[in-house]
Amino acid sequence: MLRLAARALPPVLLAAAVTASAATQASAASREHERLAQVSQPLVQVNAALQAGEADKALALLSSLPPSGVSLAEAANLECRVRLTLEQWNAAVTECQQAVRLDGQNSGYHLWLGRALGEKAGRASFLTAYTLAKRVRAEFEESVRLDPRSAEALFDLGEFYLQAPGYVGGGLEKAQSVAVQLDKVDPARAHQLRGRIAEQQKDYDTAEREFKQAIAAGAHPASQWISLAGFYRRRQRLTEMESTVRSAAAAAERDKRSSLALYDGASLLTETNRDPELAVKMLDDYLASSAKTEEAPAFVAHIRLARLKEQLGDATAANREQTAALALAHEYKPAQDLSHQETRH
């Protein structure tokens, strides 16, 4: 996901980490900054570190918060999100649960708890995943109830309904109902969700048309280009996927708020062993951007770059990227593991 890496879990349920559209990402970041500024300046600094991928700094700031004058619920929510970027699922759930306990009327806290539970469920046994999946659904539904115009909450709920089996509350009709709600909030995402629904029904022509309509409807279409590229990847239309990733990169170049598409596009290229040089460029451009996001943690981007550069035969550059990742997030286990591999070599 991480990127809060948009990915499906095993068929039993849906992982809650889903991709924000570039437009929603930009507007949500702005709203988040304004909201936190009203809470306390220290929490603004924590959020800035989180978005920049500076997990160690964010945790240090959280541990040094003053005993009063800050929102404990917001602090818990922010720590949950830092732990999610570090792939520390149990710790993330604990912190998000604390945020909801302290302020159960906050839609965003329920959304992030649902996402954390979804990530935990993806690594659980079948019976545990079954129980957690029902909790994911409940948290997403509560998030939407508290804020019916939250595009992020609606899209996560729609994806859950789409992917989850009926015995944990999923269903295509429910997903279609959410798409209708999204029409009034974020038309691009409504088309994106309908594309996913059509794809689930094996109506691939309609799915492709919906993904293309999402591009036309999006004010910042780079992430919608990535959604179309993801569709091509799932259909094994890899030449079209690669071309669409290039379109996403071009759109992100024109719209600096769409840097997330660079990270996602590089991921698609890497997963399919296509054009590693372009993947490296896209990740480099993402890391150079001033619009990095917790949805694509900078330290994860560095680790992906390390693997790509090693693949391209540049061991020195690979080691430099691994060092950069550990400097941002020394608790991130994949960075630690890569460091141990380098030591053994």
Protein backbone atom coordinates (compact mmCIF):
# COMPACT_ATOMS: atom_id res chain seq x y z
CA MET A 1 0.00 0.00 0.00
CA LEU A 2 2.65 -1.05 2.46
CA ARG A 3 2.01 1.24 0.18
CA LEU A 4 -0.91 1.43 1.92
CA ALA A 5 -0.33 -0.26 -1.07
CA ALA A 6 -3.55 -0.79 -2.80
CA ARG A 7 -3.75 -4.55 -3.00
CA ALA A 8 -6.36 -7.22 -2.53
CA LEU A 9 -6.08 -9.65 0.34
CA PRO A 10 -6.87 -13.33 0.01
CA PRO A 11 -10.49 -13.91 -1.05
CA VAL A 12 -11.68 -13.99 2.55
CA LEU A 13 -11.61 -10.18 2.77
CA LEU A 14 -10.19 -6.93 1.55
CA ALA A 15 -7.14 -5.16 2.87
CA ALA A 16 -8.10 -1.68 3.90
CA ALA A 17 -5.18 0.19 2.45
CA VAL A 18 -6.44 1.78 -0.73
CA THR A 19 -5.13 4.44 -3.03
CA ALA A 20 -6.30 8.02 -2.81
CA SER A 21 -6.81 9.82 -6.10
CA ALA A 22 -4.30 12.60 -6.71
CA ALA A 23 -7.02 15.23 -6.35
CA THR A 24 -8.31 13.73 -3.12
CA GLN A 25 -4.76 13.30 -1.86
CA ALA A 26 -4.02 17.01 -2.35
CA SER A 27 -7.27 18.28 -0.88
CA ALA A 28 -7.15 15.81 2.02
CA ALA A 29 -3.58 16.86 2.85
CA SER A 30 -4.67 20.49 2.90
CA ARG A 31 -7.65 19.77 5.15
CA GLU A 32 -5.48 17.66 7.44
CA HIS A 33 -2.94 20.45 7.83
CA GLU A 34 -5.67 22.99 8.64
CA ARG A 35 -7.32 20.65 11.14
CA LEU A 36 -4.07 19.81 12.90
CA ALA A 37 -3.10 23.48 13.05
CA GLN A 38 -6.22 24.02 15.12
CA VAL A 39 -5.22 21.19 17.47
CA SER A 40 -1.56 21.91 18.16
CA GLN A 41 1.65 22.85 16.39
CA PRO A 42 3.51 19.75 17.66
CA LEU A 43 0.99 17.52 15.90
CA VAL A 44 1.43 19.51 12.70
CA GLN A 45 5.12 18.67 12.91
CA VAL A 46 4.37 14.98 13.48
CA ASN A 47 2.11 14.88 10.45
CA ALA A 48 4.71 16.66 8.31
CA ALA A 49 7.31 14.05 9.29
CA LEU A 50 4.83 11.25 8.55
CA GLN A 51 4.06 12.59 5.06
CA ALA A 52 7.78 13.04 4.34
CA GLY A 53 8.45 9.40 5.26
CA GLU A 54 10.50 10.36 8.32
CA ALA A 55 9.17 7.66 10.61
CA ASP A 56 11.93 7.96 13.22
CA LYS A 57 11.39 11.71 13.49
CA ALA A 58 7.61 11.31 13.74
CA LEU A 59 7.92 8.77 16.56
CA ALA A 60 10.47 10.93 18.39
CA LEU A 61 8.14 13.92 18.16
CA LEU A 62 5.24 11.84 19.44
CA SER A 63 7.26 10.59 22.41
CA SER A 64 8.19 14.16 23.35
CA LEU A 65 4.70 15.66 23.18
CA PRO A 66 3.81 17.90 26.12
CA PRO A 67 1.52 16.35 28.74
CA SER A 68 -1.22 18.86 27.95
CA GLY A 69 -2.24 21.12 25.09
CA VAL A 70 -2.43 18.37 22.48
CA SER A 71 -5.20 16.03 21.42
CA LEU A 72 -4.41 12.57 22.76
CA ALA A 73 -6.81 11.06 20.23
CA GLU A 74 -5.03 12.78 17.35
CA ALA A 75 -1.64 11.73 18.69
CA ALA A 76 -2.82 8.11 18.85
CA ASN A 77 -4.18 8.31 15.30
CA LEU A 78 -0.91 9.71 14.01
CA GLU A 79 1.10 7.01 15.77
CA CYS A 80 -1.19 4.38 14.27
CA ARG A 81 -0.44 5.74 10.82
CA VAL A 82 3.30 5.84 11.44
CA ARG A 83 3.15 2.21 12.59
CA LEU A 84 1.24 1.32 9.43
CA THR A 85 4.01 2.74 7.26
CA LEU A 86 6.46 0.60 9.24
CA GLU A 87 4.24 -2.46 8.67
CA GLN A 88 3.81 -2.92 12.43
CA TRP A 89 0.22 -4.05 12.18
CA ASN A 90 -0.51 -4.97 15.82
CA ALA A 91 0.93 -1.73 17.15
CA ALA A 92 -1.03 0.20 14.53
CA VAL A 93 -4.31 -1.43 15.55
CA THR A 94 -3.64 -0.69 19.22
CA GLU A 95 -3.05 3.00 18.56
CA CYS A 96 -6.01 3.39 16.21
CA GLN A 97 -8.26 1.70 18.74
CA GLN A 98 -7.06 4.21 21.33
CA ALA A 99 -7.91 7.11 19.00
CA VAL A 100 -11.44 5.77 18.51
CA ARG A 101 -11.88 5.22 22.25
CA LEU A 102 -10.88 8.82 22.94
CA ASP A 103 -13.00 10.32 20.14
CA GLY A 104 -15.55 7.97 18.66
CA GLN A 105 -17.23 10.71 16.62
CA ASN A 106 -14.27 11.28 14.32
CA SER A 107 -14.86 9.70 10.90
CA GLY A 108 -11.16 9.62 10.06
CA TYR A 109 -10.24 7.68 13.19
CA HIS A 110 -12.72 4.93 12.28
CA LEU A 111 -11.38 4.89 8.72
CA TRP A 112 -7.80 4.40 9.85
CA LEU A 113 -8.81 1.74 12.38
CA GLY A 114 -10.56 -0.14 9.57
CA ARG A 115 -7.44 0.11 7.43
CA ALA A 116 -5.20 -1.13 10.26
CA LEU A 117 -7.53 -4.04 10.98
CA GLY A 118 -7.56 -4.89 7.28
CA GLU A 119 -3.78 -5.05 7.15
CA LYS A 120 -3.72 -7.26 10.24
CA ALA A 121 -6.40 -9.50 8.77
CA GLY A 122 -4.32 -10.04 5.66
CA ARG A 123 -1.75 -11.87 7.70
CA ALA A 124 -4.09 -13.76 10.03
CA SER A 125 -5.42 -17.31 10.03
CA PHE A 126 -8.75 -17.91 8.32
CA LEU A 127 -10.83 -17.80 11.51
CA THR A 128 -9.10 -14.71 12.84
CA ALA A 129 -9.37 -13.01 9.45
CA TYR A 130 -13.09 -13.75 9.40
CA THR A 131 -13.59 -11.93 12.71
CA LEU A 132 -11.33 -9.04 11.73
CA ALA A 133 -13.07 -8.64 8.36
CA LYS A 134 -16.38 -7.98 10.07
CA ARG A 135 -14.68 -5.35 12.20
CA VAL A 136 -13.15 -3.74 9.11
CA ARG A 137 -16.61 -3.45 7.58
CA ALA A 138 -18.07 -1.99 10.76
CA GLU A 139 -15.34 0.65 10.99
CA PHE A 140 -15.68 1.68 7.35
CA GLU A 141 -19.45 1.87 7.66
CA GLU A 142 -19.17 3.99 10.79
CA SER A 143 -16.68 6.28 9.08
CA VAL A 144 -19.13 6.85 6.22
CA ARG A 145 -22.04 7.32 8.64
CA LEU A 146 -20.12 10.04 10.45
CA ASP A 147 -19.01 11.73 7.22
CA PRO A 148 -21.13 10.70 4.21
CA ARG A 149 -19.12 13.02 1.93
CA SER A 150 -15.72 11.52 2.67
CA ALA A 151 -14.48 10.25 -0.68
CA GLU A 152 -11.76 8.19 1.00
CA ALA A 153 -14.17 6.47 3.39
CA LEU A 154 -16.70 5.80 0.64
CA PHE A 155 -14.09 4.36 -1.70
CA ASP A 156 -12.62 2.10 0.98
CA LEU A 157 -16.09 0.89 1.90
CA GLY A 158 -16.96 0.30 -1.75
CA GLU A 159 -13.76 -1.70 -2.29
CA PHE A 160 -14.53 -3.75 0.82
CA TYR A 161 -18.04 -4.57 -0.39
CA LEU A 162 -16.60 -5.46 -3.79
CA GLN A 163 -13.88 -7.80 -2.55
CA ALA A 164 -15.33 -9.32 0.60
CA PRO A 165 -17.58 -12.39 0.49
CA GLY A 166 -21.19 -12.12 1.58
CA TYR A 167 -20.66 -13.90 4.88
CA VAL A 168 -18.60 -10.96 6.17
CA GLY A 169 -20.89 -8.33 4.66
CA GLY A 170 -19.63 -7.91 1.13
CA GLY A 171 -21.68 -7.77 -2.05
CA LEU A 172 -21.72 -6.23 -5.52
CA GLU A 173 -25.04 -4.48 -4.97
CA LYS A 174 -23.63 -2.77 -1.91
CA ALA A 175 -20.58 -1.66 -3.89
CA GLN A 176 -22.83 -0.29 -6.63
CA SER A 177 -24.76 1.69 -4.03
CA VAL A 178 -21.52 3.25 -2.81
CA ALA A 179 -20.64 4.22 -6.39
CA VAL A 180 -23.90 6.18 -6.55
CA GLN A 181 -22.91 8.03 -3.38
CA LEU A 182 -19.48 8.75 -4.85
CA ASP A 183 -21.08 10.34 -7.90
CA LYS A 184 -21.97 13.31 -5.71
CA VAL A 185 -18.57 13.56 -4.03
CA ASP A 186 -15.84 12.39 -6.41
CA PRO A 187 -17.05 11.42 -9.92
CA ALA A 188 -13.61 10.12 -10.92
CA ARG A 189 -13.60 7.69 -8.04
CA ALA A 190 -17.18 6.69 -8.81
CA HIS A 191 -16.05 5.65 -12.31
CA GLN A 192 -13.02 3.91 -10.82
CA LEU A 193 -15.20 1.88 -8.46
CA ARG A 194 -17.61 1.00 -11.27
CA GLY A 195 -14.62 -0.15 -13.29
CA ARG A 196 -13.63 -2.48 -10.49
CA ILE A 197 -17.21 -3.75 -10.20
CA ALA A 198 -17.40 -4.46 -13.94
CA GLU A 199 -14.03 -6.19 -13.79
CA GLN A 200 -15.27 -8.38 -10.94
CA GLN A 201 -18.23 -9.32 -13.16
CA LYS A 202 -15.81 -10.13 -16.01
CA ASP A 203 -17.30 -7.35 -18.13
CA TYR A 204 -13.89 -6.16 -19.23
CA ASP A 205 -15.04 -3.80 -21.99
CA THR A 206 -17.19 -1.87 -19.51
CA ALA A 207 -14.41 -1.92 -16.95
CA GLU A 208 -11.92 -0.41 -19.39
CA ARG A 209 -14.45 2.24 -20.41
CA GLU A 210 -15.10 3.18 -16.78
CA PHE A 211 -11.39 3.50 -16.00
CA LYS A 212 -10.98 5.77 -19.03
CA GLN A 213 -13.98 7.84 -17.95
CA ALA A 214 -12.32 8.24 -14.55
CA ILE A 215 -9.33 9.82 -16.30
CA ALA A 216 -11.61 12.25 -18.14
CA ALA A 217 -13.49 13.13 -14.94
CA GLY A 218 -10.43 13.64 -12.73
CA ALA A 219 -9.14 17.13 -12.04
CA HIS A 220 -5.73 15.56 -11.38
CA PRO A 221 -5.82 12.44 -13.55
CA ALA A 222 -2.41 10.88 -12.91
CA SER A 223 -3.73 8.38 -10.38
CA GLN A 224 -6.63 7.47 -12.70
CA TRP A 225 -4.06 6.66 -15.38
CA ILE A 226 -2.48 4.32 -12.81
CA SER A 227 -5.84 2.67 -12.17
CA LEU A 228 -6.17 1.98 -15.89
CA ALA A 229 -2.60 0.66 -15.96
CA GLY A 230 -3.45 -1.64 -13.05
CA PHE A 231 -6.40 -2.99 -15.03
CA TYR A 232 -4.12 -3.71 -17.99
CA ARG A 233 -1.67 -5.42 -15.68
CA ARG A 234 -4.37 -7.70 -14.27
CA ARG A 235 -5.48 -8.53 -17.82
CA GLN A 236 -1.84 -9.25 -18.79
CA ARG A 237 -1.97 -6.50 -21.43
CA LEU A 238 1.51 -5.45 -20.46
CA THR A 239 2.43 -3.34 -23.48
CA GLU A 240 -0.67 -1.21 -22.87
CA MET A 241 0.13 -1.15 -19.17
CA GLU A 242 3.59 0.22 -19.82
CA SER A 243 2.27 2.88 -22.19
CA THR A 244 -0.35 3.91 -19.64
CA VAL A 245 2.26 4.16 -16.89
CA ARG A 246 4.16 6.57 -19.14
CA SER A 247 0.99 8.64 -19.52
CA ALA A 248 0.65 8.70 -15.73
CA ALA A 249 4.26 9.86 -15.38
CA ALA A 250 3.65 12.64 -17.89
CA ALA A 251 0.51 13.73 -16.03
CA ALA A 252 2.42 13.73 -12.74
CA GLU A 253 5.14 15.85 -14.32
CA ARG A 254 2.51 18.47 -15.19
CA ASP A 255 0.81 18.28 -11.78
CA LYS A 256 3.27 18.18 -8.89
CA ARG A 257 0.49 17.21 -6.47
CA SER A 258 0.21 13.88 -8.27
CA SER A 259 3.57 12.48 -7.21
CA LEU A 260 1.92 9.38 -5.75
CA ALA A 261 1.34 8.16 -9.31
CA LEU A 262 5.11 8.03 -9.83
CA TYR A 263 5.49 5.60 -6.94
CA ASP A 264 2.57 3.45 -8.08
CA GLY A 265 3.70 3.43 -11.68
CA ALA A 266 7.18 2.31 -10.67
CA SER A 267 5.58 -0.48 -8.64
CA LEU A 268 3.64 -1.75 -11.66
CA LEU A 269 6.77 -1.73 -13.81
CA THR A 270 8.77 -3.56 -11.14
CA GLU A 271 6.07 -6.20 -10.56
CA THR A 272 6.02 -7.03 -14.27
CA ASN A 273 9.78 -6.73 -14.92
CA ARG A 274 9.25 -3.92 -17.42
CA ASP A 275 11.63 -1.01 -18.04
CA PRO A 276 13.59 -0.91 -14.76
CA GLU A 277 15.33 2.31 -15.85
CA LEU A 278 11.96 4.09 -16.06
CA ALA A 279 10.97 2.64 -12.69
CA VAL A 280 14.18 4.06 -11.19
CA LYS A 281 13.50 7.47 -12.71
CA MET A 282 9.93 7.52 -11.40
CA LEU A 283 11.05 6.62 -7.88
CA ASP A 284 13.85 9.19 -8.00
CA ASP A 285 11.35 11.82 -9.14
CA TYR A 286 8.96 10.81 -6.37
CA LEU A 287 11.65 11.15 -3.70
CA ALA A 288 12.66 14.54 -5.11
CA SER A 289 9.06 15.73 -4.93
CA SER A 290 7.79 18.05 -2.22
CA ALA A 291 4.47 16.19 -2.27
CA LYS A 292 5.46 12.83 -0.79
CA THR A 293 2.78 11.02 1.19
CA GLU A 294 2.37 8.40 3.87
CA GLU A 295 0.55 6.32 1.24
CA ALA A 296 3.97 5.77 -0.34
CA PRO A 297 6.55 6.06 2.46
CA ALA A 298 9.86 7.53 1.33
CA PHE A 299 11.85 4.82 3.08
CA VAL A 300 9.94 2.15 1.16
CA ALA A 301 10.73 3.99 -2.07
CA HIS A 302 14.42 3.94 -1.12
CA ILE A 303 14.32 0.17 -0.54
CA ARG A 304 12.61 -0.38 -3.88
CA LEU A 305 15.27 1.77 -5.51
CA ALA A 306 17.98 -0.25 -3.78
CA ARG A 307 16.62 -3.47 -5.25
CA LEU A 308 16.26 -1.96 -8.71
CA LYS A 309 19.76 -0.51 -8.69
CA GLU A 310 21.21 -3.80 -7.54
CA GLN A 311 19.34 -5.47 -10.39
CA LEU A 312 20.90 -2.94 -12.77
CA GLY A 313 24.35 -3.77 -11.42
CA ASP A 314 25.01 -0.65 -9.34
CA ALA A 315 25.79 -2.09 -5.91
CA THR A 316 27.16 1.19 -4.58
CA ALA A 317 23.96 3.06 -5.41
CA ALA A 318 21.90 0.20 -3.96
CA ASN A 319 23.78 0.43 -0.68
CA ARG A 320 23.28 4.20 -0.63
CA GLU A 321 19.50 3.77 -0.99
CA GLN A 322 19.38 1.16 1.76
CA THR A 323 21.31 3.49 4.08
CA ALA A 324 18.89 6.31 3.27
CA ALA A 325 15.94 4.08 4.16
CA LEU A 326 17.39 3.13 7.54
CA ALA A 327 18.16 6.78 8.28
CA LEU A 328 14.45 7.55 7.91
CA ALA A 329 13.04 4.43 9.56
CA HIS A 330 15.48 2.23 11.43
CA GLU A 331 12.60 -0.02 12.62
CA TYR A 332 11.50 -0.88 9.07
CA LYS A 333 12.21 -4.59 8.85
CA PRO A 334 12.72 -4.90 5.06
CA ALA A 335 15.45 -2.25 5.32
CA GLN A 336 17.04 -4.14 8.20
CA ASP A 337 16.84 -7.41 6.27
CA LEU A 338 18.46 -5.86 3.22
CA SER A 339 21.20 -4.47 5.44
CA HIS A 340 21.87 -7.94 6.85
CA GLN A 341 22.04 -9.36 3.34
CA GLU A 342 24.59 -6.72 2.37
CA THR A 343 26.63 -7.58 5.48
CA ARG A 344 26.66 -11.28 4.62
CA HIS A 345 27.81 -10.51 1.09
